[in-house]
């Protein structure tokens, strides 16, 4: 009877070993299938790759810095213009205004003559 018990146990051990091997194969097959489905799903979602995202982010940072630099230059030029206009505020602006006032009636008289 000892031989019979050992034989049954040996057969049972082989069966369990084979079942474990089949389970491992099923596990690998399921992982492969799931990975393929996940890759297809993510591919259909049209997601951005990390490298592309980083490149666009770097471009945005550079554009922001350039925008700030240009804003600073515009502010400096506006201050310079204001300073130049403030320094030359003597009789010249009045003469300019007078010249503009004389030019307007002449333009008006031309338009009345052409009609």
PDB file of N, CA and C in Angstrom:
ATOM      1  N   UNK A   1       0.803  -1.172   0.000  1.00  0.00           N
ATOM      2  CA  UNK A   1       0.000   0.000   0.000  1.00  0.00           C
ATOM      3  C   UNK A   1       0.867   1.267   0.000  1.00  0.00           C
ATOM      4  N   UNK A   2       2.042   1.166   0.516  1.00  0.00           N
ATOM      5  CA  UNK A   2       2.944   2.288   0.544  1.00  0.00           C
ATOM      6  C   UNK A   2       3.339   2.682  -0.871  1.00  0.00           C
ATOM      7  N   UNK A   3       3.527   1.675  -1.703  1.00  0.00           N
ATOM      8  CA  UNK A   3       3.856   1.984  -3.091  1.00  0.00           C
ATOM      9  C   UNK A   3       2.693   2.668  -3.784  1.00  0.00           C
ATOM     10  N   UNK A   4       1.508   2.266  -3.511  1.00  0.00           N
ATOM     11  CA  UNK A   4       0.332   2.843  -4.130  1.00  0.00           C
ATOM     12  C   UNK A   4       0.177   4.287  -3.685  1.00  0.00           C
ATOM     13  N   UNK A   5       0.379   4.541  -2.424  1.00  0.00           N
ATOM     14  CA  UNK A   5       0.256   5.901  -1.912  1.00  0.00           C
ATOM     15  C   UNK A   5       1.322   6.789  -2.530  1.00  0.00           C
ATOM     16  N   UNK A   6       2.547   6.275  -2.627  1.00  0.00           N
ATOM     17  CA  UNK A   6       3.619   7.065  -3.226  1.00  0.00           C
ATOM     18  C   UNK A   6       3.334   7.325  -4.707  1.00  0.00           C
ATOM     19  N   UNK A   7       2.795   6.336  -5.361  1.00  0.00           N
ATOM     20  CA  UNK A   7       2.478   6.524  -6.778  1.00  0.00           C
ATOM     21  C   UNK A   7       1.378   7.566  -6.955  1.00  0.00           C
ATOM     22  N   UNK A   8       0.373   7.505  -6.120  1.00  0.00           N
ATOM     23  CA  UNK A   8      -0.719   8.482  -6.190  1.00  0.00           C
ATOM     24  C   UNK A   8      -0.169   9.876  -5.883  1.00  0.00           C
ATOM     25  N   UNK A   9       0.689   9.970  -4.903  1.00  0.00           N
ATOM     26  CA  UNK A   9       1.265  11.266  -4.556  1.00  0.00           C
ATOM     27  C   UNK A   9       2.164  11.771  -5.690  1.00  0.00           C
ATOM     28  N   UNK A  10       2.911  10.905  -6.301  1.00  0.00           N
ATOM     29  CA  UNK A  10       3.750  11.300  -7.432  1.00  0.00           C
ATOM     30  C   UNK A  10       2.903  11.805  -8.594  1.00  0.00           C
ATOM     31  N   UNK A  11       1.833  11.091  -8.880  1.00  0.00           N
ATOM     32  CA  UNK A  11       0.936  11.511  -9.958  1.00  0.00           C
ATOM     33  C   UNK A  11       0.275  12.853  -9.616  1.00  0.00           C
ATOM     34  N   UNK A  12      -0.116  12.984  -8.361  1.00  0.00           N
ATOM     35  CA  UNK A  12      -0.734  14.237  -7.932  1.00  0.00           C
ATOM     36  C   UNK A  12       0.278  15.383  -8.028  1.00  0.00           C
ATOM     37  N   UNK A  13       1.517  15.145  -7.666  1.00  0.00           N
ATOM     38  CA  UNK A  13       2.569  16.163  -7.745  1.00  0.00           C
ATOM     39  C   UNK A  13       2.820  16.544  -9.198  1.00  0.00           C
ATOM     40  N   UNK A  14       2.853  15.560 -10.093  1.00  0.00           N
ATOM     41  CA  UNK A  14       3.029  15.855 -11.514  1.00  0.00           C
ATOM     42  C   UNK A  14       1.865  16.674 -12.048  1.00  0.00           C
ATOM     43  N   UNK A  15       0.652  16.304 -11.634  1.00  0.00           N
ATOM     44  CA  UNK A  15      -0.534  17.029 -12.069  1.00  0.00           C
ATOM     45  C   UNK A  15      -0.483  18.483 -11.613  1.00  0.00           C
ATOM     46  N   UNK A  16      -0.109  18.692 -10.368  1.00  0.00           N
ATOM     47  CA  UNK A  16      -0.015  20.058  -9.840  1.00  0.00           C
ATOM     48  C   UNK A  16       1.090  20.847 -10.546  1.00  0.00           C
ATOM     49  N   UNK A  17       2.188  20.181 -10.833  1.00  0.00           N
ATOM     50  CA  UNK A  17       3.300  20.827 -11.530  1.00  0.00           C
ATOM     51  C   UNK A  17       2.860  21.241 -12.931  1.00  0.00           C
ATOM     52  N   UNK A  18       2.159  20.347 -13.617  1.00  0.00           N
ATOM     53  CA  UNK A  18       1.650  20.669 -14.951  1.00  0.00           C
ATOM     54  C   UNK A  18       0.627  21.805 -14.889  1.00  0.00           C
ATOM     55  N   UNK A  19      -0.234  21.775 -13.857  1.00  0.00           N
ATOM     56  CA  UNK A  19      -1.245  22.832 -13.696  1.00  0.00           C
ATOM     57  C   UNK A  19      -0.573  24.177 -13.454  1.00  0.00           C
ATOM     58  N   UNK A  20       0.501  24.165 -12.663  1.00  0.00           N
ATOM     59  CA  UNK A  20       1.238  25.410 -12.412  1.00  0.00           C
ATOM     60  C   UNK A  20       1.858  25.922 -13.711  1.00  0.00           C
ATOM     61  N   UNK A  21       2.386  25.023 -14.531  1.00  0.00           N
ATOM     62  CA  UNK A  21       2.959  25.430 -15.813  1.00  0.00           C
ATOM     63  C   UNK A  21       1.903  26.013 -16.740  1.00  0.00           C
ATOM     64  N   UNK A  22       0.725  25.379 -16.764  1.00  0.00           N
ATOM     65  CA  UNK A  22      -0.369  25.889 -17.588  1.00  0.00           C
ATOM     66  C   UNK A  22      -0.817  27.257 -17.070  1.00  0.00           C
ATOM     67  N   UNK A  23      -0.886  27.399 -15.741  1.00  0.00           N
ATOM     68  CA  UNK A  23      -1.286  28.687 -15.160  1.00  0.00           C
ATOM     69  C   UNK A  23      -0.292  29.779 -15.529  1.00  0.00           C
ATOM     70  N   UNK A  24       0.991  29.447 -15.521  1.00  0.00           N
ATOM     71  CA  UNK A  24       2.015  30.427 -15.912  1.00  0.00           C
ATOM     72  C   UNK A  24       1.836  30.825 -17.374  1.00  0.00           C
ATOM     73  N   UNK A  25       1.562  29.868 -18.224  1.00  0.00           N
ATOM     74  CA  UNK A  25       1.341  30.152 -19.639  1.00  0.00           C
ATOM     75  C   UNK A  25       0.121  31.022 -19.852  1.00  0.00           C
ATOM     76  N   UNK A  26      -0.959  30.729 -19.127  1.00  0.00           N
ATOM     77  CA  UNK A  26      -2.178  31.535 -19.226  1.00  0.00           C
ATOM     78  C   UNK A  26      -1.908  32.953 -18.736  1.00  0.00           C
ATOM     79  N   UNK A  27      -1.129  33.063 -17.664  1.00  0.00           N
ATOM     80  CA  UNK A  27      -0.791  34.382 -17.128  1.00  0.00           C
ATOM     81  C   UNK A  27      -0.021  35.203 -18.165  1.00  0.00           C
ATOM     82  N   UNK A  28       0.983  34.599 -18.778  1.00  0.00           N
ATOM     83  CA  UNK A  28       1.774  35.320 -19.787  1.00  0.00           C
ATOM     84  C   UNK A  28       0.906  35.706 -20.979  1.00  0.00           C
ATOM     85  N   UNK A  29       0.036  34.797 -21.401  1.00  0.00           N
ATOM     86  CA  UNK A  29      -0.864  35.082 -22.525  1.00  0.00           C
ATOM     87  C   UNK A  29      -1.800  36.235 -22.193  1.00  0.00           C
ATOM     88  N   UNK A  30      -2.335  36.229 -20.968  1.00  0.00           N
ATOM     89  CA  UNK A  30      -3.245  37.304 -20.550  1.00  0.00           C
ATOM     90  C   UNK A  30      -2.502  38.640 -20.490  1.00  0.00           C
ATOM     91  N   UNK A  31      -1.282  38.635 -19.965  1.00  0.00           N
ATOM     92  CA  UNK A  31      -0.499  39.874 -19.893  1.00  0.00           C
ATOM     93  C   UNK A  31      -0.212  40.419 -21.291  1.00  0.00           C
ATOM     94  N   UNK A  32       0.152  39.541 -22.201  1.00  0.00           N
ATOM     95  CA  UNK A  32       0.438  39.952 -23.573  1.00  0.00           C
ATOM     96  C   UNK A  32      -0.808  40.527 -24.235  1.00  0.00           C
ATOM     97  N   UNK A  33      -1.926  39.870 -24.039  1.00  0.00           N
ATOM     98  CA  UNK A  33      -3.184  40.341 -24.611  1.00  0.00           C
ATOM     99  C   UNK A  33      -3.577  41.694 -24.024  1.00  0.00           C
ATOM    100  N   UNK A  34      -3.477  41.814 -22.713  1.00  0.00           N
ATOM    101  CA  UNK A  34      -3.826  43.072 -22.057  1.00  0.00           C
ATOM    102  C   UNK A  34      -2.910  44.202 -22.514  1.00  0.00           C
ATOM    103  N   UNK A  35      -1.614  43.917 -22.613  1.00  0.00           N
ATOM    104  CA  UNK A  35      -0.658  44.941 -23.050  1.00  0.00           C
ATOM    105  C   UNK A  35      -0.976  45.403 -24.469  1.00  0.00           C
ATOM    106  N   UNK A  36      -1.293  44.470 -25.340  1.00  0.00           N
ATOM    107  CA  UNK A  36      -1.649  44.828 -26.718  1.00  0.00           C
ATOM    108  C   UNK A  36      -2.909  45.679 -26.778  1.00  0.00           C
ATOM    109  N   UNK A  37      -3.918  45.308 -25.988  1.00  0.00           N
ATOM    110  CA  UNK A  37      -5.158  46.089 -25.955  1.00  0.00           C
ATOM    111  C   UNK A  37      -4.895  47.491 -25.399  1.00  0.00           C
ATOM    112  N   UNK A  38      -4.095  47.586 -24.336  1.00  0.00           N
ATOM    113  CA  UNK A  38      -3.792  48.886 -23.731  1.00  0.00           C
ATOM    114  C   UNK A  38      -3.032  49.778 -24.713  1.00  0.00           C
ATOM    115  N   UNK A  39      -2.059  49.204 -25.429  1.00  0.00           N
ATOM    116  CA  UNK A  39      -1.304  49.999 -26.404  1.00  0.00           C
ATOM    117  C   UNK A  39      -2.207  50.488 -27.530  1.00  0.00           C
ATOM    118  N   UNK A  40      -3.122  49.638 -27.986  1.00  0.00           N
ATOM    119  CA  UNK A  40      -4.048  50.043 -29.041  1.00  0.00           C
ATOM    120  C   UNK A  40      -4.994  51.139 -28.537  1.00  0.00           C
ATOM    121  N   UNK A  41      -5.484  50.996 -27.315  1.00  0.00           N
ATOM    122  CA  UNK A  41      -6.381  51.989 -26.729  1.00  0.00           C
ATOM    123  C   UNK A  41      -5.683  53.334 -26.585  1.00  0.00           C
ATOM    124  N   UNK A  42      -4.460  53.315 -26.062  1.00  0.00           N
ATOM    125  CA  UNK A  42      -3.719  54.566 -25.896  1.00  0.00           C
ATOM    126  C   UNK A  42      -3.333  55.171 -27.242  1.00  0.00           C
ATOM    127  N   UNK A  43      -3.060  54.314 -28.220  1.00  0.00           N
ATOM    128  CA  UNK A  43      -2.747  54.814 -29.560  1.00  0.00           C
ATOM    129  C   UNK A  43      -3.945  55.501 -30.200  1.00  0.00           C
ATOM    130  N   UNK A  44      -5.135  54.986 -29.952  1.00  0.00           N
ATOM    131  CA  UNK A  44      -6.351  55.584 -30.500  1.00  0.00           C
ATOM    132  C   UNK A  44      -6.701  56.904 -29.814  1.00  0.00           C
ATOM    133  N   UNK A  45      -6.205  57.118 -28.595  1.00  0.00           N
ATOM    134  CA  UNK A  45      -6.523  58.339 -27.849  1.00  0.00           C
ATOM    135  C   UNK A  45      -5.736  59.545 -28.346  1.00  0.00           C
ATOM    136  N   UNK A  46      -4.738  59.338 -29.196  1.00  0.00           N
ATOM    137  CA  UNK A  46      -3.940  60.422 -29.757  1.00  0.00           C
ATOM    138  C   UNK A  46      -3.274  61.246 -28.654  1.00  0.00           C
ATOM    139  N   UNK A  47      -2.596  60.572 -27.751  1.00  0.00           N
ATOM    140  CA  UNK A  47      -1.891  61.239 -26.665  1.00  0.00           C
ATOM    141  C   UNK A  47      -0.535  61.740 -27.145  1.00  0.00           C
ATOM    142  N   UNK A  48      -0.035  62.760 -26.486  1.00  0.00           N
ATOM    143  CA  UNK A  48       1.252  63.352 -26.830  1.00  0.00           C
ATOM    144  C   UNK A  48       2.352  62.580 -26.106  1.00  0.00           C
ATOM    145  N   UNK A  49       3.447  62.354 -26.803  1.00  0.00           N
ATOM    146  CA  UNK A  49       4.575  61.688 -26.168  1.00  0.00           C
ATOM    147  C   UNK A  49       5.309  62.673 -25.275  1.00  0.00           C
ATOM    148  N   UNK A  50       5.990  62.164 -24.300  1.00  0.00           N
ATOM    149  CA  UNK A  50       6.670  62.995 -23.304  1.00  0.00           C
ATOM    150  C   UNK A  50       7.702  63.919 -23.963  1.00  0.00           C
ATOM    151  N   UNK A  51       8.446  63.415 -24.938  1.00  0.00           N
ATOM    152  CA  UNK A  51       9.471  64.223 -25.592  1.00  0.00           C
ATOM    153  C   UNK A  51       8.839  65.415 -26.313  1.00  0.00           C
ATOM    154  N   UNK A  52       7.710  65.182 -26.981  1.00  0.00           N
ATOM    155  CA  UNK A  52       7.026  66.274 -27.680  1.00  0.00           C
ATOM    156  C   UNK A  52       6.510  67.303 -26.692  1.00  0.00           C
ATOM    157  N   UNK A  53       5.966  66.840 -25.580  1.00  0.00           N
ATOM    158  CA  UNK A  53       5.454  67.753 -24.555  1.00  0.00           C
ATOM    159  C   UNK A  53       6.574  68.616 -24.000  1.00  0.00           C
ATOM    160  N   UNK A  54       7.708  68.001 -23.692  1.00  0.00           N
ATOM    161  CA  UNK A  54       8.843  68.754 -23.158  1.00  0.00           C
ATOM    162  C   UNK A  54       9.344  69.783 -24.161  1.00  0.00           C
ATOM    163  N   UNK A  55       9.376  69.418 -25.449  1.00  0.00           N
ATOM    164  CA  UNK A  55       9.841  70.350 -26.482  1.00  0.00           C
ATOM    165  C   UNK A  55       8.911  71.557 -26.580  1.00  0.00           C
ATOM    166  N   UNK A  56       7.613  71.320 -26.550  1.00  0.00           N
ATOM    167  CA  UNK A  56       6.649  72.430 -26.638  1.00  0.00           C
ATOM    168  C   UNK A  56       6.721  73.289 -25.392  1.00  0.00           C
ATOM    169  N   UNK A  57       6.891  72.651 -24.227  1.00  0.00           N
ATOM    170  CA  UNK A  57       7.004  73.424 -22.987  1.00  0.00           C
ATOM    171  C   UNK A  57       8.236  74.316 -23.029  1.00  0.00           C
ATOM    172  N   UNK A  58       9.367  73.791 -23.525  1.00  0.00           N
ATOM    173  CA  UNK A  58      10.578  74.597 -23.629  1.00  0.00           C
ATOM    174  C   UNK A  58      10.379  75.770 -24.584  1.00  0.00           C
ATOM    175  N   UNK A  59       9.663  75.521 -25.683  1.00  0.00           N
ATOM    176  CA  UNK A  59       9.369  76.607 -26.625  1.00  0.00           C
ATOM    177  C   UNK A  59       8.507  77.677 -25.969  1.00  0.00           C
ATOM    178  N   UNK A  60       7.538  77.265 -25.162  1.00  0.00           N
ATOM    179  CA  UNK A  60       6.663  78.229 -24.491  1.00  0.00           C
ATOM    180  C   UNK A  60       7.449  79.059 -23.482  1.00  0.00           C
ATOM    181  N   UNK A  61       8.360  78.428 -22.747  1.00  0.00           N
ATOM    182  CA  UNK A  61       9.185  79.165 -21.782  1.00  0.00           C
ATOM    183  C   UNK A  61      10.050  80.191 -22.513  1.00  0.00           C
ATOM    184  N   UNK A  62      10.652  79.772 -23.628  1.00  0.00           N
ATOM    185  CA  UNK A  62      11.493  80.685 -24.403  1.00  0.00           C
ATOM    186  C   UNK A  62      10.662  81.848 -24.951  1.00  0.00           C
ATOM    187  N   UNK A  63       9.460  81.558 -25.439  1.00  0.00           N
ATOM    188  CA  UNK A  63       8.590  82.609 -25.973  1.00  0.00           C
ATOM    189  C   UNK A  63       8.185  83.584 -24.871  1.00  0.00           C
ATOM    190  N   UNK A  64       7.909  83.046 -23.676  1.00  0.00           N
ATOM    191  CA  UNK A  64       7.543  83.913 -22.555  1.00  0.00           C
ATOM    192  C   UNK A  64       8.691  84.839 -22.183  1.00  0.00           C
ATOM    193  N   UNK A  65       9.915  84.296 -22.165  1.00  0.00           N
ATOM    194  CA  UNK A  65      11.088  85.122 -21.853  1.00  0.00           C
ATOM    195  C   UNK A  65      11.299  86.197 -22.922  1.00  0.00           C
ATOM    196  N   UNK A  66      11.139  85.813 -24.181  1.00  0.00           N
ATOM    197  CA  UNK A  66      11.297  86.775 -25.274  1.00  0.00           C
ATOM    198  C   UNK A  66      10.218  87.850 -25.205  1.00  0.00           C
ATOM    199  N   UNK A  67       9.004  87.453 -24.869  1.00  0.00           N
ATOM    200  CA  UNK A  67       7.910  88.412 -24.727  1.00  0.00           C
ATOM    201  C   UNK A  67       8.221  89.415 -23.617  1.00  0.00           C
ATOM    202  N   UNK A  68       8.763  88.933 -22.498  1.00  0.00           N
ATOM    203  CA  UNK A  68       9.112  89.829 -21.396  1.00  0.00           C
ATOM    204  C   UNK A  68      10.216  90.783 -21.821  1.00  0.00           C
ATOM    205  N   UNK A  69      11.201  90.277 -22.557  1.00  0.00           N
ATOM    206  CA  UNK A  69      12.296  91.125 -23.033  1.00  0.00           C
ATOM    207  C   UNK A  69      11.767  92.219 -23.959  1.00  0.00           C
ATOM    208  N   UNK A  70      10.867  91.839 -24.869  1.00  0.00           N
ATOM    209  CA  UNK A  70      10.301  92.835 -25.784  1.00  0.00           C
ATOM    210  C   UNK A  70       9.433  93.847 -25.040  1.00  0.00           C
ATOM    211  N   UNK A  71       8.702  93.406 -24.029  1.00  0.00           N
ATOM    212  CA  UNK A  71       7.904  94.332 -23.222  1.00  0.00           C
ATOM    213  C   UNK A  71       8.798  95.342 -22.527  1.00  0.00           C
ATOM    214  N   UNK A  72       9.926  94.873 -22.006  1.00  0.00           N
ATOM    215  CA  UNK A  72      10.869  95.780 -21.356  1.00  0.00           C
ATOM    216  C   UNK A  72      11.423  96.797 -22.356  1.00  0.00           C
ATOM    217  N   UNK A  73      11.742  96.347 -23.576  1.00  0.00           N
ATOM    218  CA  UNK A  73      12.264  97.263 -24.599  1.00  0.00           C
ATOM    219  C   UNK A  73      11.216  98.301 -24.988  1.00  0.00           C
ATOM    220  N   UNK A  74       9.959  97.869 -25.138  1.00  0.00           N
ATOM    221  CA  UNK A  74       8.884  98.806 -25.489  1.00  0.00           C
ATOM    222  C   UNK A  74       8.708  99.834 -24.382  1.00  0.00           C
ATOM    223  N   UNK A  75       8.738  99.385 -23.135  1.00  0.00           N
ATOM    224  CA  UNK A  75       8.598 100.316 -22.011  1.00  0.00           C
ATOM    225  C   UNK A  75       9.740 101.327 -21.999  1.00  0.00           C
ATOM    226  N   UNK A  76      10.965 100.868 -22.274  1.00  0.00           N
ATOM    227  CA  UNK A  76      12.111 101.773 -22.313  1.00  0.00           C
ATOM    228  C   UNK A  76      11.963 102.783 -23.453  1.00  0.00           C
ATOM    229  N   UNK A  77      11.508 102.324 -24.619  1.00  0.00           N
ATOM    230  CA  UNK A  77      11.318 103.238 -25.748  1.00  0.00           C
ATOM    231  C   UNK A  77      10.202 104.246 -25.465  1.00  0.00           C
ATOM    232  N   UNK A  78       9.126 103.797 -24.836  1.00  0.00           N
ATOM    233  CA  UNK A  78       8.044 104.728 -24.488  1.00  0.00           C
ATOM    234  C   UNK A  78       8.532 105.774 -23.496  1.00  0.00           C
ATOM    235  N   UNK A  79       9.342 105.362 -22.535  1.00  0.00           N
ATOM    236  CA  UNK A  79       9.895 106.318 -21.568  1.00  0.00           C
ATOM    237  C   UNK A  79      10.809 107.312 -22.274  1.00  0.00           C
ATOM    238  N   UNK A  80      11.595 106.822 -23.226  1.00  0.00           N
ATOM    239  CA  UNK A  80      12.493 107.702 -23.972  1.00  0.00           C
ATOM    240  C   UNK A  80      11.695 108.706 -24.803  1.00  0.00           C
ATOM    241  N   UNK A  81      10.624 108.229 -25.437  1.00  0.00           N
ATOM    242  CA  UNK A  81       9.772 109.132 -26.226  1.00  0.00           C
ATOM    243  C   UNK A  81       9.147 110.186 -25.324  1.00  0.00           C
ATOM    244  N   UNK A  82       8.638 109.754 -24.186  1.00  0.00           N
ATOM    245  CA  UNK A  82       8.030 110.710 -23.248  1.00  0.00           C
ATOM    246  C   UNK A  82       9.054 111.729 -22.783  1.00  0.00           C
ATOM    247  N   UNK A  83      10.283 111.294 -22.542  1.00  0.00           N
ATOM    248  CA  UNK A  83      11.336 112.201 -22.112  1.00  0.00           C
ATOM    249  C   UNK A  83      11.668 113.191 -23.226  1.00  0.00           C
ATOM    250  N   UNK A  84      11.750 112.722 -24.475  1.00  0.00           N
ATOM    251  CA  UNK A  84      12.060 113.608 -25.601  1.00  0.00           C
ATOM    252  C   UNK A  84      10.934 114.606 -25.842  1.00  0.00           C
ATOM    253  N   UNK A  85       9.713 114.154 -25.720  1.00  0.00           N
ATOM    254  CA  UNK A  85       8.581 115.069 -25.895  1.00  0.00           C
ATOM    255  C   UNK A  85       8.526 116.082 -24.767  1.00  0.00           C
ATOM    256  N   UNK A  86       8.889 115.667 -23.567  1.00  0.00           N
ATOM    257  CA  UNK A  86       8.918 116.581 -22.414  1.00  0.00           C
ATOM    258  C   UNK A  86      10.023 117.608 -22.552  1.00  0.00           C
ATOM    259  N   UNK A  87      11.167 117.232 -23.118  1.00  0.00           N
ATOM    260  CA  UNK A  87      12.306 118.144 -23.267  1.00  0.00           C
ATOM    261  C   UNK A  87      12.052 119.162 -24.368  1.00  0.00           C
ATOM    262  N   UNK A  88      11.310 118.794 -25.380  1.00  0.00           N
ATOM    263  CA  UNK A  88      11.077 119.706 -26.493  1.00  0.00           C
ATOM    264  C   UNK A  88       9.706 120.350 -26.419  1.00  0.00           C
ATOM    265  N   UNK A  89       9.213 120.622 -25.234  1.00  0.00           N
ATOM    266  CA  UNK A  89       7.853 121.159 -25.105  1.00  0.00           C
ATOM    267  C   UNK A  89       7.812 122.682 -25.143  1.00  0.00           C
ATOM    268  N   UNK A  90       8.777 123.317 -25.761  1.00  0.00           N
ATOM    269  CA  UNK A  90       8.796 124.773 -25.885  1.00  0.00           C
ATOM    270  C   UNK A  90       7.804 125.235 -26.941  1.00  0.00           C
ATOM    271  N   UNK A  91       8.169 126.191 -27.759  1.00  0.00           N
ATOM    272  CA  UNK A  91       7.268 126.747 -28.760  1.00  0.00           C
ATOM    273  C   UNK A  91       7.005 125.813 -29.933  1.00  0.00           C
ATOM    274  N   UNK A  92       7.790 124.794 -30.100  1.00  0.00           N
ATOM    275  CA  UNK A  92       7.635 123.914 -31.250  1.00  0.00           C
ATOM    276  C   UNK A  92       6.263 123.236 -31.309  1.00  0.00           C
ATOM    277  N   UNK A  93       5.729 122.673 -30.239  1.00  0.00           N
ATOM    278  CA  UNK A  93       4.424 122.039 -30.354  1.00  0.00           C
ATOM    279  C   UNK A  93       3.331 123.021 -30.759  1.00  0.00           C
ATOM    280  N   UNK A  94       3.416 124.280 -30.292  1.00  0.00           N
ATOM    281  CA  UNK A  94       2.424 125.277 -30.685  1.00  0.00           C
ATOM    282  C   UNK A  94       2.529 125.547 -32.179  1.00  0.00           C
ATOM    283  N   UNK A  95       3.734 125.627 -32.697  1.00  0.00           N
ATOM    284  CA  UNK A  95       3.931 125.855 -34.121  1.00  0.00           C
ATOM    285  C   UNK A  95       3.398 124.671 -34.915  1.00  0.00           C
ATOM    286  N   UNK A  96       3.573 123.489 -34.392  1.00  0.00           N
ATOM    287  CA  UNK A  96       3.030 122.310 -35.069  1.00  0.00           C
ATOM    288  C   UNK A  96       1.515 122.373 -35.111  1.00  0.00           C
ATOM    289  N   UNK A  97       0.932 122.758 -33.986  1.00  0.00           N
ATOM    290  CA  UNK A  97      -0.536 122.854 -33.944  1.00  0.00           C
ATOM    291  C   UNK A  97      -1.030 123.915 -34.919  1.00  0.00           C
ATOM    292  N   UNK A  98      -0.324 125.009 -35.005  1.00  0.00           N
ATOM    293  CA  UNK A  98      -0.732 126.073 -35.915  1.00  0.00           C
ATOM    294  C   UNK A  98      -0.610 125.597 -37.359  1.00  0.00           C
ATOM    295  N   UNK A  99       0.431 124.869 -37.666  1.00  0.00           N
ATOM    296  CA  UNK A  99       0.624 124.337 -39.010  1.00  0.00           C
ATOM    297  C   UNK A  99      -0.477 123.356 -39.370  1.00  0.00           C
ATOM    298  N   UNK A 100      -0.907 122.562 -38.436  1.00  0.00           N
ATOM    299  CA  UNK A 100      -1.982 121.613 -38.678  1.00  0.00           C
ATOM    300  C   UNK A 100      -3.298 122.346 -38.895  1.00  0.00           C
ATOM    301  N   UNK A 101      -3.503 123.411 -38.138  1.00  0.00           N
ATOM    302  CA  UNK A 101      -4.750 124.169 -38.272  1.00  0.00           C
ATOM    303  C   UNK A 101      -4.820 124.820 -39.651  1.00  0.00           C
ATOM    304  N   UNK A 102      -3.705 125.302 -40.166  1.00  0.00           N
ATOM    305  CA  UNK A 102      -3.694 125.929 -41.489  1.00  0.00           C
ATOM    306  C   UNK A 102      -3.894 124.880 -42.576  1.00  0.00           C
ATOM    307  N   UNK A 103      -3.387 123.680 -42.375  1.00  0.00           N
ATOM    308  CA  UNK A 103      -3.479 122.653 -43.396  1.00  0.00           C
ATOM    309  C   UNK A 103      -4.895 122.129 -43.543  1.00  0.00           C
ATOM    310  N   UNK A 104      -5.666 122.122 -42.492  1.00  0.00           N
ATOM    311  CA  UNK A 104      -7.019 121.582 -42.558  1.00  0.00           C
ATOM    312  C   UNK A 104      -7.937 122.412 -43.444  1.00  0.00           C
ATOM    313  N   UNK A 105      -7.973 123.740 -43.320  1.00  0.00           N
ATOM    314  CA  UNK A 105      -8.871 124.488 -44.198  1.00  0.00           C
ATOM    315  C   UNK A 105      -8.488 124.359 -45.665  1.00  0.00           C
ATOM    316  N   UNK A 106      -7.225 124.250 -45.949  1.00  0.00           N
ATOM    317  CA  UNK A 106      -6.803 124.101 -47.334  1.00  0.00           C
ATOM    318  C   UNK A 106      -7.324 122.790 -47.894  1.00  0.00           C
ATOM    319  N   UNK A 107      -7.270 121.747 -47.098  1.00  0.00           N
ATOM    320  CA  UNK A 107      -7.779 120.445 -47.541  1.00  0.00           C
ATOM    321  C   UNK A 107      -9.287 120.522 -47.721  1.00  0.00           C
ATOM    322  N   UNK A 108      -9.947 121.272 -46.864  1.00  0.00           N
ATOM    323  CA  UNK A 108     -11.399 121.410 -46.954  1.00  0.00           C
ATOM    324  C   UNK A 108     -11.760 122.210 -48.207  1.00  0.00           C
ATOM    325  N   UNK A 109     -10.983 123.227 -48.534  1.00  0.00           N
ATOM    326  CA  UNK A 109     -11.296 124.020 -49.708  1.00  0.00           C
ATOM    327  C   UNK A 109     -11.091 123.220 -50.984  1.00  0.00           C
ATOM    328  N   UNK A 110     -10.118 122.332 -51.009  1.00  0.00           N
ATOM    329  CA  UNK A 110      -9.914 121.486 -52.174  1.00  0.00           C
ATOM    330  C   UNK A 110     -11.090 120.555 -52.373  1.00  0.00           C
ATOM    331  N   UNK A 111     -11.629 120.009 -51.296  1.00  0.00           N
ATOM    332  CA  UNK A 111     -12.726 119.063 -51.439  1.00  0.00           C
ATOM    333  C   UNK A 111     -13.981 119.775 -51.912  1.00  0.00           C
ATOM    334  N   UNK A 112     -14.150 121.057 -51.547  1.00  0.00           N
ATOM    335  CA  UNK A 112     -15.327 121.791 -52.023  1.00  0.00           C
ATOM    336  C   UNK A 112     -15.165 122.193 -53.490  1.00  0.00           C
ATOM    337  N   UNK A 113     -13.934 122.414 -53.948  1.00  0.00           N
ATOM    338  CA  UNK A 113     -13.714 122.793 -55.331  1.00  0.00           C
ATOM    339  C   UNK A 113     -13.921 121.612 -56.275  1.00  0.00           C
ATOM    340  N   UNK A 114     -13.599 120.383 -55.835  1.00  0.00           N
ATOM    341  CA  UNK A 114     -13.714 119.225 -56.705  1.00  0.00           C
ATOM    342  C   UNK A 114     -15.161 118.823 -56.880  1.00  0.00           C
ATOM    343  N   UNK A 115     -16.045 119.215 -56.007  1.00  0.00           N
ATOM    344  CA  UNK A 115     -17.449 118.832 -56.134  1.00  0.00           C
ATOM    345  C   UNK A 115     -18.089 119.687 -57.106  1.00  0.00           C
TER     346      UNK A 115
END
